[in-house]
Amino acid sequence: MAHITRVELNMIDLVPKVKRVDAIQSFVSQETPFVTIHDSDGAIGVGYSYTIGTGGPSVMALLEHTLAPALIGRDPARIDGLWRDLMFITHATAVGAITSLALAAIDTALWDLKCKKAGLPLWKAAGGTRDRIALYTTEGGWLHLDQQTLVDDALAMQEKGFKGSKVKIGSDHISQDAARLGAVRAAVGEAYEIFTDANQSFSLSEAIRRAPMLEDHGIGWLEEPLPADDVNGHVALARSTSVPIAVGESMYSLSQFKDYLQLGAASIVQVDVARIGGITPWLKVAHLAEAFNVTVCPHFLMELHLPLVCAIPNARWLEYIPQLDSVTGDNMRIEDGYAIPSGTPGLGIDWDWDAIAAKSLVSHTITEAA
């Protein structure tokens, strides 16, 4: 039986290529923790997660002092058992973002290692439902952008074959959001999807007030309209509008998704593989959503989510926000607005280790005793 002999930890910081502003924050940094797991057969698995500029050192400390040492000597093929054991070790700090992000970096490395040893790409190993997925873009829809810039980006992406765009909302007055959405809709026509994201900025009353305006513009979904812990508010909102309600990027456990699905509080699940704690719980959320006939359209991390949405039957979209171009070789393959998963065994991400080493901020190595 192979066992884990060494765990390498590293963190880099990726600065977004464009300014990213939504209704509550500006995304100025992407701290990216890496975990590299070696086993006694000589196999290697690489995983990662992310923050948007705060908490990275805390994630790394949890990995260095608690989680990575607990991996040494363990069988890397027992992924679910390892995930559960690590969750128990950190039960005093779970459920929450720091623990989930640390677990995700480990769990994705274990899946990468497992798939490489099996000779399978992740999208096949996890289900293999489809070999491509439709893309929508968020990168040109940020809240600080003026109407013409929004229109120009949507038209450019439509010309490239993309099937939809996301526009951030949450302007001071409903009329401002209406004008922005109206300009984009007039430019792209009725067949091109427009999604909206309020980033948890609305009260229930304001969300209910703005929903009819979204209906008028044929909006594909209203994402994170309310604080993520306001389940009853989402229930009330979902019952008041025909616009699909999307949630998930700020949820950190299977049970949280269960509550939303049981109560009919959302009809789009945007589970984030980093914030849920890795591929292992991500797949459980996706299959739970399938049982409720609910679509999965994950948040961010397009390179990692690409094989996952191709693995399951109830995925519809992949969000296009480039973030790994400066530390990877071959970019994600896109044809006529569809992303196509890699056939390479593992996660299918072509890491540029020289570029990663040049950006390294923190590094540690944990090994078994001689």
Protein backbone atom coordinates (compact mmCIF):
# COMPACT_ATOMS: atom_id res chain seq x y z
CA MET A 1 0.00 0.00 0.00
CA ALA A 2 1.35 3.41 -0.95
CA HIS A 3 1.54 6.05 1.76
CA ILE A 4 2.16 9.79 1.86
CA THR A 5 5.82 10.61 2.45
CA ARG A 6 6.06 14.35 1.88
CA VAL A 7 3.80 17.41 1.70
CA GLU A 8 5.04 20.66 0.21
CA LEU A 9 3.22 23.92 0.92
CA ASN A 10 3.55 27.12 -1.04
CA MET A 11 1.58 30.34 -1.46
CA ILE A 12 1.68 32.93 -4.22
CA ASP A 13 -0.34 36.09 -4.81
CA LEU A 14 -1.94 36.75 -8.18
CA VAL A 15 -2.96 40.32 -8.97
CA PRO A 16 -6.03 40.49 -11.24
CA LYS A 17 -5.34 41.79 -14.73
CA VAL A 18 -8.43 44.03 -14.63
CA LYS A 19 -10.07 46.07 -11.88
CA ARG A 20 -12.82 44.03 -10.21
CA VAL A 21 -15.45 45.90 -8.20
CA ASP A 22 -18.85 44.69 -7.02
CA ALA A 23 -21.49 46.09 -4.66
CA ILE A 24 -19.55 45.32 -1.47
CA GLN A 25 -15.84 45.03 -2.27
CA SER A 26 -12.93 45.38 -4.66
CA PHE A 27 -11.08 42.19 -5.66
CA VAL A 28 -7.45 43.35 -5.67
CA SER A 29 -5.53 40.18 -4.87
CA GLN A 30 -5.74 36.39 -5.14
CA GLU A 31 -3.69 34.61 -2.53
CA THR A 32 -3.22 31.06 -3.83
CA PRO A 33 -2.08 28.30 -1.47
CA PHE A 34 -0.61 25.20 -3.15
CA VAL A 35 -0.30 21.71 -1.65
CA THR A 36 1.93 19.12 -3.34
CA ILE A 37 1.57 15.56 -2.01
CA HIS A 38 4.19 12.84 -2.67
CA ASP A 39 3.57 9.14 -2.04
CA SER A 40 5.87 6.16 -1.60
CA ASP A 41 5.25 5.03 -5.20
CA GLY A 42 6.77 8.27 -6.45
CA ALA A 43 3.42 9.74 -7.53
CA ILE A 44 2.73 13.45 -7.05
CA GLY A 45 -0.56 15.35 -6.72
CA VAL A 46 -0.97 19.13 -6.77
CA GLY A 47 -3.91 21.02 -5.32
CA TYR A 48 -4.76 24.64 -4.60
CA SER A 49 -7.39 27.05 -3.33
CA TYR A 50 -7.63 30.83 -3.06
CA THR A 51 -8.59 33.92 -1.12
CA ILE A 52 -9.43 37.37 -2.47
CA GLY A 53 -6.69 39.11 -0.56
CA THR A 54 -7.15 38.30 3.12
CA GLY A 55 -6.68 35.16 5.18
CA GLY A 56 -3.95 33.48 3.12
CA PRO A 57 -1.36 33.33 5.94
CA SER A 58 -4.00 31.81 8.23
CA VAL A 59 -4.77 29.11 5.66
CA MET A 60 -1.05 28.36 5.35
CA ALA A 61 -0.61 28.17 9.14
CA LEU A 62 -3.46 25.68 9.44
CA LEU A 63 -1.92 23.59 6.69
CA GLU A 64 1.60 23.71 8.14
CA HIS A 65 0.87 23.09 11.80
CA THR A 66 -2.24 20.89 11.75
CA LEU A 67 -3.40 19.37 8.47
CA ALA A 68 -0.26 18.51 6.48
CA PRO A 69 1.45 16.65 9.36
CA ALA A 70 -1.69 14.53 9.76
CA LEU A 71 -1.27 13.28 6.17
CA ILE A 72 2.15 11.72 6.63
CA GLY A 73 1.99 7.93 6.51
CA ARG A 74 -1.63 7.84 5.35
CA ASP A 75 -2.99 6.03 2.27
CA PRO A 76 -3.65 8.79 -0.33
CA ALA A 77 -6.27 6.68 -2.11
CA ARG A 78 -8.65 6.87 0.86
CA ILE A 79 -9.76 10.39 0.00
CA ASP A 80 -13.14 10.50 1.72
CA GLY A 81 -11.72 8.99 4.89
CA LEU A 82 -8.86 11.48 4.92
CA TRP A 83 -11.25 14.38 4.35
CA ARG A 84 -13.41 13.29 7.28
CA ASP A 85 -10.43 12.78 9.57
CA LEU A 86 -9.02 16.20 8.73
CA MET A 87 -12.42 17.80 9.27
CA PHE A 88 -12.61 16.18 12.72
CA ILE A 89 -9.13 17.43 13.61
CA THR A 90 -10.31 20.97 12.81
CA HIS A 91 -13.83 20.61 14.22
CA ALA A 92 -13.29 23.59 16.53
CA THR A 93 -12.74 25.89 13.53
CA ALA A 94 -15.29 24.39 11.14
CA VAL A 95 -17.60 25.20 9.41
CA GLY A 96 -15.80 28.25 8.03
CA ALA A 97 -13.72 29.74 5.27
CA ILE A 98 -10.18 29.23 6.62
CA THR A 99 -10.71 25.53 7.32
CA SER A 100 -12.54 24.92 4.04
CA LEU A 101 -9.85 26.63 1.97
CA ALA A 102 -7.12 24.58 3.65
CA LEU A 103 -9.04 21.33 3.22
CA ALA A 104 -9.68 22.16 -0.43
CA ALA A 105 -5.99 22.56 -1.22
CA ILE A 106 -5.32 19.11 0.23
CA ASP A 107 -8.37 17.40 -1.23
CA THR A 108 -7.72 18.65 -4.77
CA ALA A 109 -4.11 17.41 -4.49
CA LEU A 110 -5.34 13.96 -3.43
CA TRP A 111 -7.73 13.81 -6.41
CA ASP A 112 -4.95 14.94 -8.74
CA LEU A 113 -2.71 12.18 -7.42
CA LYS A 114 -5.45 9.55 -7.62
CA CYS A 115 -6.38 10.45 -11.20
CA LYS A 116 -2.74 10.48 -12.32
CA LYS A 117 -2.16 7.01 -10.87
CA ALA A 118 -5.34 5.77 -12.57
CA GLY A 119 -4.36 7.39 -15.89
CA LEU A 120 -7.64 9.34 -16.03
CA PRO A 121 -8.50 13.03 -16.34
CA LEU A 122 -10.61 14.30 -13.45
CA TRP A 123 -13.71 14.88 -15.59
CA LYS A 124 -13.80 11.18 -16.51
CA ALA A 125 -12.81 9.86 -13.08
CA ALA A 126 -15.57 11.87 -11.39
CA GLY A 127 -18.36 10.94 -13.82
CA GLY A 128 -17.56 11.86 -17.42
CA THR A 129 -21.01 13.16 -18.35
CA ARG A 130 -19.96 15.59 -21.09
CA ASP A 131 -16.86 16.74 -22.94
CA ARG A 132 -17.59 20.50 -23.04
CA ILE A 133 -19.58 23.19 -21.22
CA ALA A 134 -20.98 26.58 -22.24
CA LEU A 135 -19.18 29.67 -20.99
CA TYR A 136 -20.49 32.96 -19.69
CA THR A 137 -18.18 35.84 -18.85
CA THR A 138 -18.03 37.95 -15.71
CA GLU A 139 -14.77 39.76 -16.42
CA GLY A 140 -16.42 42.61 -18.36
CA GLY A 141 -19.42 43.18 -16.07
CA TRP A 142 -18.00 44.79 -12.96
CA LEU A 143 -20.01 47.44 -11.15
CA HIS A 144 -17.63 50.34 -11.71
CA LEU A 145 -17.78 49.98 -15.51
CA ASP A 146 -19.91 52.40 -17.51
CA GLN A 147 -22.73 51.34 -19.82
CA GLN A 148 -20.75 51.55 -23.04
CA THR A 149 -17.93 49.43 -21.62
CA LEU A 150 -20.46 46.82 -20.50
CA VAL A 151 -22.02 46.79 -23.96
CA ASP A 152 -18.69 46.60 -25.77
CA ASP A 153 -17.53 43.64 -23.68
CA ALA A 154 -20.79 41.71 -24.06
CA LEU A 155 -20.75 42.21 -27.83
CA ALA A 156 -17.11 41.15 -28.05
CA MET A 157 -17.75 37.98 -26.07
CA GLN A 158 -20.89 37.22 -28.06
CA GLU A 159 -18.79 37.51 -31.23
CA LYS A 160 -16.36 34.94 -29.77
CA GLY A 161 -19.21 32.49 -29.30
CA PHE A 162 -19.86 33.00 -25.59
CA LYS A 163 -23.45 32.34 -24.62
CA GLY A 164 -23.91 34.89 -21.84
CA SER A 165 -22.51 37.68 -19.66
CA LYS A 166 -22.85 38.54 -16.00
CA VAL A 167 -23.48 42.14 -14.96
CA LYS A 168 -22.91 43.23 -11.39
CA ILE A 169 -25.81 45.10 -9.81
CA GLY A 170 -26.37 46.92 -6.54
CA SER A 171 -26.11 50.51 -7.71
CA ASP A 172 -27.45 53.18 -5.35
CA HIS A 173 -30.79 53.33 -7.17
CA ILE A 174 -32.80 50.81 -9.13
CA SER A 175 -32.83 53.13 -12.13
CA GLN A 176 -29.05 52.84 -12.49
CA ASP A 177 -29.15 49.05 -12.55
CA ALA A 178 -32.07 49.17 -14.98
CA ALA A 179 -30.19 51.46 -17.37
CA ARG A 180 -27.08 49.25 -17.36
CA LEU A 181 -29.04 46.06 -17.98
CA GLY A 182 -31.25 47.71 -20.58
CA ALA A 183 -28.25 48.91 -22.56
CA VAL A 184 -26.70 45.43 -22.63
CA ARG A 185 -29.98 43.73 -23.52
CA ALA A 186 -30.61 46.15 -26.39
CA ALA A 187 -27.15 45.42 -27.77
CA VAL A 188 -27.01 41.61 -27.52
CA GLY A 189 -30.63 40.71 -28.30
CA GLU A 190 -33.00 38.34 -26.57
CA ALA A 191 -31.17 35.04 -27.18
CA TYR A 192 -28.00 36.00 -25.32
CA GLU A 193 -28.16 35.31 -21.57
CA ILE A 194 -27.62 38.11 -19.07
CA PHE A 195 -27.02 37.09 -15.47
CA THR A 196 -26.87 39.45 -12.49
CA ASP A 197 -24.97 39.39 -9.20
CA ALA A 198 -25.79 41.58 -6.19
CA ASN A 199 -23.02 40.14 -3.96
CA GLN A 200 -25.26 39.95 -0.86
CA SER A 201 -25.87 43.71 -0.92
CA PHE A 202 -29.69 43.89 -0.81
CA SER A 203 -32.18 43.84 2.00
CA LEU A 204 -35.14 41.54 1.38
CA SER A 205 -37.41 44.49 0.61
CA GLU A 206 -34.96 45.96 -1.92
CA ALA A 207 -34.45 42.59 -3.61
CA ILE A 208 -38.22 42.14 -3.95
CA ARG A 209 -38.49 45.68 -5.30
CA ARG A 210 -35.82 45.14 -7.98
CA ALA A 211 -36.90 41.65 -9.07
CA PRO A 212 -39.67 42.83 -11.48
CA MET A 213 -37.12 45.03 -13.26
CA LEU A 214 -34.92 41.96 -13.73
CA GLU A 215 -37.91 40.03 -15.09
CA ASP A 216 -38.51 42.81 -17.62
CA HIS A 217 -34.99 42.41 -18.98
CA GLY A 218 -35.19 38.59 -19.22
CA ILE A 219 -32.44 38.08 -16.66
CA GLY A 220 -31.14 34.50 -16.35
CA TRP A 221 -30.60 34.60 -12.58
CA LEU A 222 -30.20 36.88 -9.57
CA GLU A 223 -27.06 35.81 -7.73
CA GLU A 224 -26.45 36.34 -4.01
CA PRO A 225 -29.21 38.91 -3.54
CA LEU A 226 -29.16 38.66 0.29
CA PRO A 227 -26.66 37.70 3.00
CA ALA A 228 -25.87 34.02 2.56
CA ASP A 229 -27.05 33.05 6.06
CA ASP A 230 -30.54 34.51 5.48
CA VAL A 231 -32.22 31.30 4.32
CA ASN A 232 -35.76 32.45 5.13
CA GLY A 233 -35.20 35.69 3.24
CA HIS A 234 -34.20 33.72 0.17
CA VAL A 235 -37.32 31.59 0.55
CA ALA A 236 -39.51 34.70 0.57
CA LEU A 237 -37.67 36.21 -2.39
CA ALA A 238 -37.81 33.01 -4.45
CA ARG A 239 -41.57 32.83 -3.93
CA SER A 240 -42.02 36.44 -5.05
CA THR A 241 -40.29 36.34 -8.45
CA SER A 242 -39.87 34.26 -11.58
CA VAL A 243 -36.16 35.15 -11.77
CA PRO A 244 -34.08 32.13 -10.68
CA ILE A 245 -32.21 32.73 -7.41
CA ALA A 246 -28.55 31.63 -7.39
CA VAL A 247 -26.54 31.01 -4.23
CA GLY A 248 -23.53 29.04 -3.07
CA GLU A 249 -20.21 30.86 -3.29
CA SER A 250 -20.45 31.92 0.37
CA MET A 251 -21.57 28.55 1.74
CA TYR A 252 -19.16 26.14 3.38
CA SER A 253 -20.94 22.85 4.09
CA LEU A 254 -23.17 20.23 2.53
CA SER A 255 -25.76 20.89 5.24
CA GLN A 256 -26.07 24.57 4.29
CA PHE A 257 -26.91 23.59 0.72
CA LYS A 258 -29.33 20.98 2.04
CA ASP A 259 -31.28 23.68 3.92
CA TYR A 260 -31.56 25.89 0.83
CA LEU A 261 -32.64 23.02 -1.39
CA GLN A 262 -35.18 21.57 1.04
CA LEU A 263 -36.82 24.97 1.52
CA GLY A 264 -36.85 25.94 -2.16
CA ALA A 265 -34.68 28.98 -1.43
CA ALA A 266 -32.57 28.67 -4.59
CA SER A 267 -32.87 27.19 -8.06
CA ILE A 268 -29.21 27.61 -9.10
CA VAL A 269 -26.41 26.14 -6.95
CA GLN A 270 -23.05 27.91 -7.28
CA VAL A 271 -20.94 25.64 -5.10
CA ASP A 272 -17.28 26.72 -5.04
CA VAL A 273 -14.78 23.85 -4.83
CA ALA A 274 -12.41 25.88 -2.63
CA ARG A 275 -15.00 27.25 -0.23
CA ILE A 276 -16.82 23.94 0.21
CA GLY A 277 -13.56 22.20 1.14
CA GLY A 278 -12.53 20.37 -2.02
CA ILE A 279 -13.68 18.05 -4.77
CA THR A 280 -14.99 15.44 -2.33
CA PRO A 281 -17.72 17.67 -0.79
CA TRP A 282 -18.26 19.52 -4.11
CA LEU A 283 -19.42 16.32 -5.76
CA LYS A 284 -21.75 15.60 -2.84
CA VAL A 285 -23.37 19.01 -3.19
CA ALA A 286 -23.70 18.55 -6.95
CA HIS A 287 -25.40 15.17 -6.55
CA LEU A 288 -27.65 16.54 -3.80
CA ALA A 289 -28.71 19.33 -6.15
CA GLU A 290 -29.40 16.75 -8.86
CA ALA A 291 -31.82 15.00 -6.49
CA PHE A 292 -33.75 18.28 -6.25
CA ASN A 293 -33.58 18.84 -10.05
CA VAL A 294 -31.46 21.95 -9.48
CA THR A 295 -28.72 23.16 -11.82
CA VAL A 296 -25.09 23.59 -10.72
CA CYS A 297 -23.23 26.64 -12.07
CA PRO A 298 -20.10 27.02 -9.90
CA HIS A 299 -18.42 30.21 -8.74
CA PHE A 300 -14.96 31.27 -9.99
CA LEU A 301 -11.93 28.88 -10.35
CA MET A 302 -12.81 28.04 -13.93
CA GLU A 303 -9.78 25.83 -14.58
CA LEU A 304 -10.64 23.56 -11.64
CA HIS A 305 -14.40 23.71 -12.08
CA LEU A 306 -14.19 22.81 -15.78
CA PRO A 307 -13.59 19.08 -15.25
CA LEU A 308 -16.12 19.01 -12.41
CA VAL A 309 -19.01 20.50 -14.39
CA CYS A 310 -18.18 18.07 -17.21
CA ALA A 311 -18.33 15.19 -14.73
CA ILE A 312 -21.92 15.75 -13.56
CA PRO A 313 -25.27 15.72 -15.42
CA ASN A 314 -26.86 18.83 -13.85
CA ALA A 315 -24.32 21.50 -14.82
CA ARG A 316 -25.23 24.21 -17.34
CA TRP A 317 -22.60 26.96 -17.28
CA LEU A 318 -18.97 27.67 -16.44
CA GLU A 319 -17.98 31.15 -15.28
CA TYR A 320 -15.15 32.73 -17.29
CA ILE A 321 -12.78 34.75 -15.08
CA PRO A 322 -9.14 34.13 -16.04
CA GLN A 323 -6.81 34.01 -13.05
CA LEU A 324 -4.08 31.41 -13.64
CA ASP A 325 -2.64 32.53 -16.99
CA SER A 326 0.60 33.83 -15.46
CA VAL A 327 1.39 30.53 -13.71
CA THR A 328 0.26 27.96 -16.28
CA GLY A 329 1.50 26.83 -19.67
CA ASP A 330 -1.33 25.84 -21.98
CA ASN A 331 -4.44 27.90 -21.34
CA MET A 332 -7.91 26.42 -20.98
CA ARG A 333 -9.15 25.23 -24.36
CA ILE A 334 -12.14 27.20 -25.69
CA GLU A 335 -14.02 26.55 -28.92
CA ASP A 336 -17.02 28.62 -30.07
CA GLY A 337 -17.89 29.67 -26.53
CA TYR A 338 -17.47 26.21 -25.00
CA ALA A 339 -14.72 25.15 -22.59
CA ILE A 340 -13.25 21.71 -23.25
CA PRO A 341 -11.63 19.76 -20.39
CA SER A 342 -8.11 18.42 -20.70
CA GLY A 343 -7.53 14.76 -21.46
CA THR A 344 -4.36 14.76 -19.34
CA PRO A 345 -4.57 12.55 -16.24
CA GLY A 346 -5.22 14.57 -13.07
CA LEU A 347 -6.78 18.01 -12.71
CA GLY A 348 -5.63 18.90 -16.23
CA ILE A 349 -3.85 22.13 -15.23
CA ASP A 350 -0.43 22.73 -16.83
CA TRP A 351 1.45 24.44 -13.99
CA ASP A 352 4.49 26.62 -14.76
CA TRP A 353 6.62 25.84 -11.70
CA ASP A 354 9.30 28.39 -12.57
CA ALA A 355 6.66 31.13 -12.58
CA ILE A 356 5.17 29.82 -9.33
CA ALA A 357 8.59 29.73 -7.66
CA ALA A 358 9.25 33.32 -8.72
CA LYS A 359 5.99 34.45 -7.08
CA SER A 360 6.37 32.36 -3.91
CA LEU A 361 5.67 34.18 -0.64
CA VAL A 362 5.56 31.29 1.84
CA SER A 363 6.87 27.72 1.58
CA HIS A 364 7.14 24.75 3.95
CA THR A 365 7.87 21.05 3.62
CA ILE A 366 6.61 18.30 5.95
CA THR A 367 8.21 14.86 5.64
CA GLU A 368 8.05 11.52 7.39
CA ALA A 369 10.69 10.77 9.99
CA ALA A 370 13.86 9.12 8.69
